[in-house]
Amino acid sequence: MVEKIVLGDQEWTIDPHDLNFTDATLNTFFEKVSGIIDYVGSGHALAMKLNAIAELEYKKKYIEKFKDQKDQGKSDKTAELSAEGDPICVNLKRETIESRYKKDRLYAHLSALNASREDAHNRGHMLRKEMDKLNIDIERA
């Protein structure tokens, strides 16, 4: 299933078919896979940046709310619970969780692409060995 990841005003497409290859499509796979890895990698880099910004915004607002509660004379635990339960902090935390998911999802696809490329290299090596063996057998006949 093709998945769309929206980061800011840009959209990245994650297509599991990008991981597939056969003996017949090995060359085509190699021609495309590096570009796909670069494409997904750029999305992952942006997702990491946006995740760090989201975490920073959450921490900043949490500290502000915590400090407000402490200034009102609340205990540390009460101030902490109040800051965590504040609707603005809850929404910022939700955005942080969503941005972390996007970052992790792009990283997982990037890892799968690298593993698929490694598998394709191994399959290509095995095909060359099989072809060499067949050529030796033909020359003997």
C-alpha atoms as a PDB file:
ATOM      1  CA  MET A   1       0.000   0.000   0.000  1.00  0.00           C
ATOM      2  CA  VAL A   2       1.401   3.383  -1.023  1.00  0.00           C
ATOM      3  CA  GLU A   3       1.669   5.769   1.911  1.00  0.00           C
ATOM      4  CA  LYS A   4       1.840   9.564   1.778  1.00  0.00           C
ATOM      5  CA  ILE A   5       3.873  11.418   4.427  1.00  0.00           C
ATOM      6  CA  VAL A   6       3.191  15.150   4.643  1.00  0.00           C
ATOM      7  CA  LEU A   7       5.993  17.298   6.039  1.00  0.00           C
ATOM      8  CA  GLY A   8       5.161  20.980   6.121  1.00  0.00           C
ATOM      9  CA  ASP A   9       3.968  21.858   2.635  1.00  0.00           C
ATOM     10  CA  GLN A  10       5.699  18.900   0.965  1.00  0.00           C
ATOM     11  CA  GLU A  11       4.566  15.311   0.504  1.00  0.00           C
ATOM     12  CA  TRP A  12       6.688  12.144   0.334  1.00  0.00           C
ATOM     13  CA  THR A  13       5.441   8.907  -1.157  1.00  0.00           C
ATOM     14  CA  ILE A  14       6.466   5.602   0.377  1.00  0.00           C
ATOM     15  CA  ASP A  15       5.852   2.770  -2.053  1.00  0.00           C
ATOM     16  CA  PRO A  16       6.620  -0.792  -0.953  1.00  0.00           C
ATOM     17  CA  HIS A  17       6.926  -1.763  -4.625  1.00  0.00           C
ATOM     18  CA  ASP A  18      10.204   0.189  -4.654  1.00  0.00           C
ATOM     19  CA  LEU A  19      11.669  -2.707  -2.648  1.00  0.00           C
ATOM     20  CA  ASN A  20      10.795  -5.390  -5.203  1.00  0.00           C
ATOM     21  CA  PHE A  21      13.073  -6.828  -7.848  1.00  0.00           C
ATOM     22  CA  THR A  22      13.424 -10.043  -9.827  1.00  0.00           C
ATOM     23  CA  ASP A  23      16.280 -11.502 -11.817  1.00  0.00           C
ATOM     24  CA  ALA A  24      14.755  -9.890 -14.909  1.00  0.00           C
ATOM     25  CA  THR A  25      14.346  -6.436 -13.297  1.00  0.00           C
ATOM     26  CA  LEU A  26      17.662  -6.324 -11.441  1.00  0.00           C
ATOM     27  CA  ASN A  27      19.256  -3.722 -13.751  1.00  0.00           C
ATOM     28  CA  THR A  28      16.208  -1.466 -13.642  1.00  0.00           C
ATOM     29  CA  PHE A  29      16.116  -1.790  -9.855  1.00  0.00           C
ATOM     30  CA  PHE A  30      19.740  -0.654  -9.577  1.00  0.00           C
ATOM     31  CA  GLU A  31      19.084   2.267 -11.919  1.00  0.00           C
ATOM     32  CA  LYS A  32      16.248   3.550  -9.712  1.00  0.00           C
ATOM     33  CA  VAL A  33      17.120   2.577  -6.136  1.00  0.00           C
ATOM     34  CA  SER A  34      19.808   5.184  -5.442  1.00  0.00           C
ATOM     35  CA  GLY A  35      17.502   7.986  -6.512  1.00  0.00           C
ATOM     36  CA  ILE A  36      14.708   6.609  -4.354  1.00  0.00           C
ATOM     37  CA  ILE A  37      17.082   6.347  -1.383  1.00  0.00           C
ATOM     38  CA  ASP A  38      18.105   9.971  -1.903  1.00  0.00           C
ATOM     39  CA  TYR A  39      14.439  11.023  -2.165  1.00  0.00           C
ATOM     40  CA  VAL A  40      13.404   9.203   1.019  1.00  0.00           C
ATOM     41  CA  GLY A  41      16.594  10.312   2.778  1.00  0.00           C
ATOM     42  CA  SER A  42      15.806  13.971   2.086  1.00  0.00           C
ATOM     43  CA  GLY A  43      12.346  13.426   3.552  1.00  0.00           C
ATOM     44  CA  HIS A  44      13.866  11.771   6.602  1.00  0.00           C
ATOM     45  CA  ALA A  45      16.263  14.681   7.125  1.00  0.00           C
ATOM     46  CA  LEU A  46      13.383  17.154   6.963  1.00  0.00           C
ATOM     47  CA  ALA A  47      11.305  14.968   9.304  1.00  0.00           C
ATOM     48  CA  MET A  48      14.169  14.921  11.806  1.00  0.00           C
ATOM     49  CA  LYS A  49      14.354  18.721  11.671  1.00  0.00           C
ATOM     50  CA  LEU A  50      10.596  19.144  12.101  1.00  0.00           C
ATOM     51  CA  ASN A  51      10.562  16.626  14.955  1.00  0.00           C
ATOM     52  CA  ALA A  52      13.312  18.516  16.788  1.00  0.00           C
ATOM     53  CA  ILE A  53      11.384  21.775  16.330  1.00  0.00           C
ATOM     54  CA  ALA A  54       8.161  20.172  17.601  1.00  0.00           C
ATOM     55  CA  GLU A  55       9.955  18.785  20.659  1.00  0.00           C
ATOM     56  CA  LEU A  56      11.502  22.182  21.347  1.00  0.00           C
ATOM     57  CA  GLU A  57       8.118  23.920  21.100  1.00  0.00           C
ATOM     58  CA  TYR A  58       6.584  21.382  23.494  1.00  0.00           C
ATOM     59  CA  LYS A  59       9.408  21.749  26.037  1.00  0.00           C
ATOM     60  CA  LYS A  60       9.259  25.527  25.829  1.00  0.00           C
ATOM     61  CA  LYS A  61       5.500  25.634  26.472  1.00  0.00           C
ATOM     62  CA  TYR A  62       5.741  22.961  29.193  1.00  0.00           C
ATOM     63  CA  ILE A  63       8.402  24.949  31.068  1.00  0.00           C
ATOM     64  CA  GLU A  64       6.320  28.107  30.731  1.00  0.00           C
ATOM     65  CA  LYS A  65       3.206  26.379  32.137  1.00  0.00           C
ATOM     66  CA  PHE A  66       5.228  24.670  34.876  1.00  0.00           C
ATOM     67  CA  LYS A  67       6.770  27.999  35.902  1.00  0.00           C
ATOM     68  CA  ASP A  68       3.335  29.674  35.976  1.00  0.00           C
ATOM     69  CA  GLN A  69       2.093  26.973  38.362  1.00  0.00           C
ATOM     70  CA  LYS A  70       5.184  27.258  40.572  1.00  0.00           C
ATOM     71  CA  ASP A  71       4.738  31.046  40.687  1.00  0.00           C
ATOM     72  CA  GLN A  72       1.236  30.396  42.026  1.00  0.00           C
ATOM     73  CA  GLY A  73       2.785  28.407  44.902  1.00  0.00           C
ATOM     74  CA  LYS A  74       1.936  24.890  43.641  1.00  0.00           C
ATOM     75  CA  SER A  75       4.129  21.912  44.534  1.00  0.00           C
ATOM     76  CA  ASP A  76       6.475  20.437  41.914  1.00  0.00           C
ATOM     77  CA  LYS A  77       4.195  17.459  41.317  1.00  0.00           C
ATOM     78  CA  THR A  78       1.059  19.601  41.026  1.00  0.00           C
ATOM     79  CA  ALA A  79       2.819  22.048  38.697  1.00  0.00           C
ATOM     80  CA  GLU A  80       4.086  19.137  36.581  1.00  0.00           C
ATOM     81  CA  LEU A  81       0.658  17.503  36.289  1.00  0.00           C
ATOM     82  CA  SER A  82      -0.998  20.835  35.546  1.00  0.00           C
ATOM     83  CA  ALA A  83       1.544  21.645  32.815  1.00  0.00           C
ATOM     84  CA  GLU A  84       1.223  18.188  31.252  1.00  0.00           C
ATOM     85  CA  GLY A  85      -2.573  18.435  31.268  1.00  0.00           C
ATOM     86  CA  ASP A  86      -2.723  21.922  29.806  1.00  0.00           C
ATOM     87  CA  PRO A  87      -4.593  21.752  26.453  1.00  0.00           C
ATOM     88  CA  ILE A  88      -1.832  23.645  24.623  1.00  0.00           C
ATOM     89  CA  CYS A  89       0.830  21.258  25.970  1.00  0.00           C
ATOM     90  CA  VAL A  90      -1.336  18.251  25.121  1.00  0.00           C
ATOM     91  CA  ASN A  91      -1.695  19.460  21.507  1.00  0.00           C
ATOM     92  CA  LEU A  92       2.030  20.183  21.226  1.00  0.00           C
ATOM     93  CA  LYS A  93       2.829  16.732  22.645  1.00  0.00           C
ATOM     94  CA  ARG A  94       0.449  15.184  20.092  1.00  0.00           C
ATOM     95  CA  GLU A  95       2.264  17.066  17.301  1.00  0.00           C
ATOM     96  CA  THR A  96       5.586  15.805  18.673  1.00  0.00           C
ATOM     97  CA  ILE A  97       4.320  12.213  18.626  1.00  0.00           C
ATOM     98  CA  GLU A  98       3.026  12.607  15.065  1.00  0.00           C
ATOM     99  CA  SER A  99       6.291  14.144  13.863  1.00  0.00           C
ATOM    100  CA  ARG A 100       8.272  11.332  15.509  1.00  0.00           C
ATOM    101  CA  TYR A 101       6.084   8.766  13.715  1.00  0.00           C
ATOM    102  CA  LYS A 102       6.757  10.419  10.347  1.00  0.00           C
ATOM    103  CA  LYS A 103      10.498  10.540  11.038  1.00  0.00           C
ATOM    104  CA  ASP A 104      10.555   6.898  12.136  1.00  0.00           C
ATOM    105  CA  ARG A 105       8.389   5.781   9.196  1.00  0.00           C
ATOM    106  CA  LEU A 106      10.712   7.403   6.675  1.00  0.00           C
ATOM    107  CA  TYR A 107      13.725   5.901   8.455  1.00  0.00           C
ATOM    108  CA  ALA A 108      12.142   2.436   8.363  1.00  0.00           C
ATOM    109  CA  HIS A 109      11.535   2.723   4.617  1.00  0.00           C
ATOM    110  CA  LEU A 110      15.058   4.024   4.097  1.00  0.00           C
ATOM    111  CA  SER A 111      16.422   1.007   5.995  1.00  0.00           C
ATOM    112  CA  ALA A 112      14.244  -1.342   3.952  1.00  0.00           C
ATOM    113  CA  LEU A 113      15.510   0.251   0.728  1.00  0.00           C
ATOM    114  CA  ASN A 114      19.113  -0.229   1.830  1.00  0.00           C
ATOM    115  CA  ALA A 115      18.421  -3.853   2.775  1.00  0.00           C
ATOM    116  CA  SER A 116      16.697  -4.451  -0.561  1.00  0.00           C
ATOM    117  CA  ARG A 117      19.646  -2.920  -2.413  1.00  0.00           C
ATOM    118  CA  GLU A 118      22.011  -5.213  -0.493  1.00  0.00           C
ATOM    119  CA  ASP A 119      19.826  -8.213  -1.369  1.00  0.00           C
ATOM    120  CA  ALA A 120      19.892  -7.165  -5.022  1.00  0.00           C
ATOM    121  CA  HIS A 121      23.700  -6.906  -4.940  1.00  0.00           C
ATOM    122  CA  ASN A 122      23.914 -10.400  -3.471  1.00  0.00           C
ATOM    123  CA  ARG A 123      21.478 -11.779  -6.063  1.00  0.00           C
ATOM    124  CA  GLY A 124      23.454 -10.139  -8.867  1.00  0.00           C
ATOM    125  CA  HIS A 125      26.651 -11.687  -7.538  1.00  0.00           C
ATOM    126  CA  MET A 126      25.023 -15.119  -7.417  1.00  0.00           C
ATOM    127  CA  LEU A 127      23.708 -14.705 -10.977  1.00  0.00           C
ATOM    128  CA  ARG A 128      27.208 -13.842 -12.229  1.00  0.00           C
ATOM    129  CA  LYS A 129      28.612 -16.938 -10.498  1.00  0.00           C
ATOM    130  CA  GLU A 130      25.895 -19.110 -12.064  1.00  0.00           C
ATOM    131  CA  MET A 131      26.616 -17.602 -15.494  1.00  0.00           C
ATOM    132  CA  ASP A 132      30.366 -18.232 -15.070  1.00  0.00           C
ATOM    133  CA  LYS A 133      29.654 -21.855 -14.120  1.00  0.00           C
ATOM    134  CA  LEU A 134      27.386 -22.301 -17.150  1.00  0.00           C
ATOM    135  CA  ASN A 135      30.046 -20.823 -19.435  1.00  0.00           C
ATOM    136  CA  ILE A 136      32.655 -23.253 -18.105  1.00  0.00           C
ATOM    137  CA  ASP A 137      30.245 -26.160 -18.706  1.00  0.00           C
ATOM    138  CA  ILE A 138      29.543 -24.967 -22.266  1.00  0.00           C
ATOM    139  CA  GLU A 139      33.248 -24.633 -23.077  1.00  0.00           C
ATOM    140  CA  ARG A 140      33.853 -28.233 -21.890  1.00  0.00           C
ATOM    141  CA  ALA A 141      31.088 -29.646 -24.103  1.00  0.00           C
END
